[in-house]
Protein backbone atom coordinates (compact mmCIF):
# COMPACT_ATOMS: atom_id res chain seq x y z
CA MET A 1 0.05 -0.15 0.32
CA LYS A 2 2.76 2.40 1.03
CA ASN A 3 4.54 1.80 -2.67
CA TYR A 4 1.05 2.27 -4.41
CA LEU A 5 0.69 5.86 -2.67
CA LEU A 6 4.37 6.68 -3.47
CA ILE A 7 3.64 5.92 -7.18
CA LEU A 8 0.62 8.03 -7.00
CA GLY A 9 2.21 10.91 -5.30
CA PHE A 10 5.04 10.79 -8.09
CA ALA A 11 2.28 10.79 -10.64
CA LEU A 12 0.54 13.62 -9.27
CA PHE A 13 3.71 15.53 -9.03
CA LEU A 14 4.69 15.13 -12.28
CA TYR A 15 1.31 16.26 -13.47
CA SER A 16 1.17 19.28 -11.33
CA CYS A 17 4.71 20.26 -13.05
CA GLY A 18 3.41 19.48 -16.47
CA GLY A 19 5.79 16.66 -17.11
CA SER A 20 4.91 13.18 -18.12
CA ALA A 21 6.24 9.89 -16.84
CA SER A 22 6.89 8.76 -20.46
CA THR A 23 10.54 8.38 -21.52
CA ASP A 24 9.61 8.89 -25.16
CA THR A 25 12.56 11.30 -25.98
CA ALA A 26 11.72 11.51 -29.69
CA THR A 27 9.15 14.24 -28.67
CA GLU A 28 11.41 16.02 -25.89
CA GLU A 29 14.56 16.44 -27.95
CA PRO A 30 13.15 18.82 -30.72
CA ALA A 31 11.91 21.04 -27.82
CA ALA A 32 15.16 21.01 -26.23
CA GLU A 33 16.90 21.96 -29.61
CA ALA A 34 14.32 24.83 -30.31
CA ALA A 35 14.90 26.49 -26.87
CA VAL A 36 18.60 26.28 -27.43
CA GLU A 37 19.75 28.51 -30.63
CA GLU A 38 23.23 28.48 -31.57
CA PRO A 39 24.77 32.01 -32.13
CA GLU A 40 25.56 33.34 -35.61
CA ALA A 41 29.17 33.35 -36.44
CA PRO A 42 30.29 36.94 -37.32
CA ALA A 43 30.53 37.93 -40.97
CA ALA A 44 34.11 37.18 -42.24
CA PRO A 45 36.05 40.39 -42.85
CA ALA A 46 35.71 41.66 -46.45
CA GLU A 47 38.91 41.06 -48.65
CA PRO A 48 40.78 44.43 -49.14
CA ALA A 49 39.77 46.39 -52.49
CA GLY A 50 43.69 47.10 -52.86
CA GLU A 51 46.72 47.97 -51.22
CA VAL A 52 48.26 51.48 -50.63
CA SER A 53 51.77 52.46 -48.99
CA LEU A 54 52.32 55.81 -47.19
CA GLU A 55 55.25 57.47 -45.95
CA LEU A 56 55.19 59.83 -43.03
CA ASN A 57 58.42 61.40 -41.54
CA GLY A 58 58.91 63.49 -38.27
CA SER A 59 61.67 65.66 -37.58
CA ASP A 60 63.54 67.20 -34.50
CA GLN A 61 61.45 70.25 -34.97
CA MET A 62 58.55 68.31 -33.86
CA GLN A 63 56.71 68.45 -37.10
CA TYR A 64 55.22 65.79 -39.54
CA ASP A 65 56.17 66.47 -43.17
CA VAL A 66 52.41 66.21 -44.11
CA ALA A 67 49.25 67.18 -42.55
CA GLU A 68 47.07 65.06 -44.58
CA LEU A 69 46.87 61.35 -45.87
CA LYS A 70 44.46 60.12 -48.12
CA VAL A 71 43.18 56.61 -48.82
CA SER A 72 40.53 54.30 -50.32
CA GLU A 73 37.87 52.52 -47.81
CA ASN A 74 38.54 49.03 -47.56
CA PHE A 75 42.09 49.28 -48.67
CA MET A 76 44.93 47.68 -46.82
CA VAL A 77 47.58 50.57 -45.78
CA THR A 78 50.95 50.04 -45.02
CA LEU A 79 52.36 52.89 -43.16
CA THR A 80 56.06 53.65 -42.61
CA LEU A 81 56.99 56.42 -40.10
CA ASN A 82 60.71 57.70 -40.30
CA HIS A 83 62.11 60.00 -37.46
CA THR A 84 64.51 62.10 -39.58
CA GLY A 85 66.07 63.96 -36.82
CA GLN A 86 69.09 62.93 -34.59
CA LEU A 87 67.63 63.19 -31.04
CA PRO A 88 66.86 60.28 -28.84
CA LYS A 89 63.51 59.06 -28.29
CA GLN A 90 63.58 59.95 -24.43
CA SER A 91 63.88 63.65 -25.46
CA MET A 92 62.37 63.87 -28.94
CA GLY A 93 60.48 60.68 -29.58
CA HIS A 94 57.83 60.47 -32.38
CA ASN A 95 55.34 58.05 -33.27
CA PHE A 96 52.01 57.71 -35.41
CA VAL A 97 48.45 57.00 -33.56
CA LEU A 98 45.61 57.07 -35.86
CA LEU A 99 42.39 57.79 -33.40
CA LYS A 100 38.96 56.64 -34.17
CA GLU A 101 36.48 59.06 -35.20
CA GLY A 102 34.82 61.31 -32.87
CA THR A 103 38.00 60.80 -30.09
CA ASP A 104 38.66 63.77 -28.19
CA VAL A 105 42.33 64.61 -29.26
CA THR A 106 43.08 66.67 -26.05
CA GLU A 107 41.69 64.17 -23.61
CA PHE A 108 43.54 61.23 -25.63
CA ALA A 109 46.87 63.32 -25.33
CA VAL A 110 46.48 63.95 -21.44
CA ASN A 111 45.94 60.59 -20.71
CA ALA A 112 48.98 59.32 -23.11
CA ILE A 113 51.37 61.38 -20.66
CA ALA A 114 51.00 58.87 -17.89
CA ALA A 115 51.32 55.97 -20.41
CA VAL A 116 55.09 55.86 -20.29
CA ASP A 117 55.32 52.09 -20.25
CA THR A 118 53.22 51.41 -23.45
CA ASP A 119 55.18 54.15 -25.57
CA TYR A 120 52.56 57.03 -24.47
CA ILE A 121 49.49 54.91 -26.05
CA PRO A 122 46.88 54.70 -23.21
CA ALA A 123 44.44 52.04 -22.31
CA GLY A 124 41.14 52.02 -24.31
CA ASP A 125 39.73 51.55 -27.52
CA ASP A 126 40.40 55.07 -29.17
CA VAL A 127 43.23 53.95 -31.45
CA ILE A 128 42.95 52.18 -34.47
CA ALA A 129 46.73 51.84 -35.31
CA HIS A 130 49.60 52.93 -34.07
CA THR A 131 53.74 52.76 -34.54
CA LYS A 132 56.10 52.16 -32.17
CA MET A 133 57.79 55.25 -30.40
CA LEU A 134 61.01 56.25 -32.41
CA GLY A 135 64.18 58.11 -31.75
CA GLY A 136 66.26 60.18 -34.20
CA GLY A 137 67.28 57.99 -37.27
CA GLU A 138 64.43 55.11 -36.57
CA SER A 139 61.78 53.98 -38.58
CA ASP A 140 59.01 51.80 -38.08
CA THR A 141 56.20 50.09 -40.61
CA ILE A 142 52.79 49.19 -39.89
CA THR A 143 49.88 47.39 -41.68
CA PHE A 144 46.12 47.96 -40.96
CA MET A 145 42.92 48.11 -42.83
CA ALA A 146 41.34 51.46 -43.76
CA PRO A 147 38.68 52.54 -41.61
CA PRO A 148 35.13 53.39 -43.18
CA LYS A 149 34.71 56.65 -44.93
CA GLY A 150 35.38 59.65 -42.79
CA THR A 151 38.05 62.02 -41.51
CA TYR A 152 40.22 60.59 -38.79
CA ASP A 153 42.85 62.36 -36.54
CA PHE A 154 46.34 61.20 -36.22
CA ILE A 155 48.91 62.54 -33.85
CA CYS A 156 52.24 61.89 -32.27
CA SER A 157 51.33 61.03 -28.50
CA PHE A 158 54.61 61.95 -27.31
CA PRO A 159 54.22 64.44 -24.22
CA GLY A 160 53.56 67.84 -25.79
CA HIS A 161 53.68 67.04 -29.52
CA TYR A 162 49.94 66.67 -30.26
CA GLY A 163 49.45 70.15 -30.52
CA ILE A 164 51.73 70.57 -33.60
CA MET A 165 52.47 66.73 -34.80
CA LYS A 166 48.99 66.12 -36.09
CA GLY A 167 47.13 65.93 -39.20
CA LYS A 168 43.86 64.20 -40.74
CA PHE A 169 43.42 60.68 -42.25
CA ILE A 170 41.04 60.86 -44.97
CA VAL A 171 39.10 57.84 -46.13
CA GLU A 172 37.32 58.27 -49.38
């Protein structure tokens, strides 16, 4: 009699929870699969439409030799920065930092002052691409995909340089 009450209690429990005592998994599995959807894989990056090589020079006079660089959208960009001066990077270091559209250049530069250990590139997601910090006579080459059409700022993030060493990176 105790077993009968136990079975009856279990059946009532299953009924009240919406379950059944059936072990037919063929009807249960599709419901479980429908409830768990696999996330879609991100779209593969587009193939570059072409390639472009750019050269930029920075001097001991704290100047880039050009104030505007133009590229086409969806092009692979290879940029070489040359420090044409003679002073060491500790006193007259130069780099190229391409900032995302809408980045506050002054705020970025102020934050860069404290980023000595990372060549004056502060943590965050404001940077599209950058070279390493260079001293006189040094060069660095980087490759990156041109961002979407727009006008972007580029600067030297060495303390105090951003006010003069700056330009526009135009993507057409």
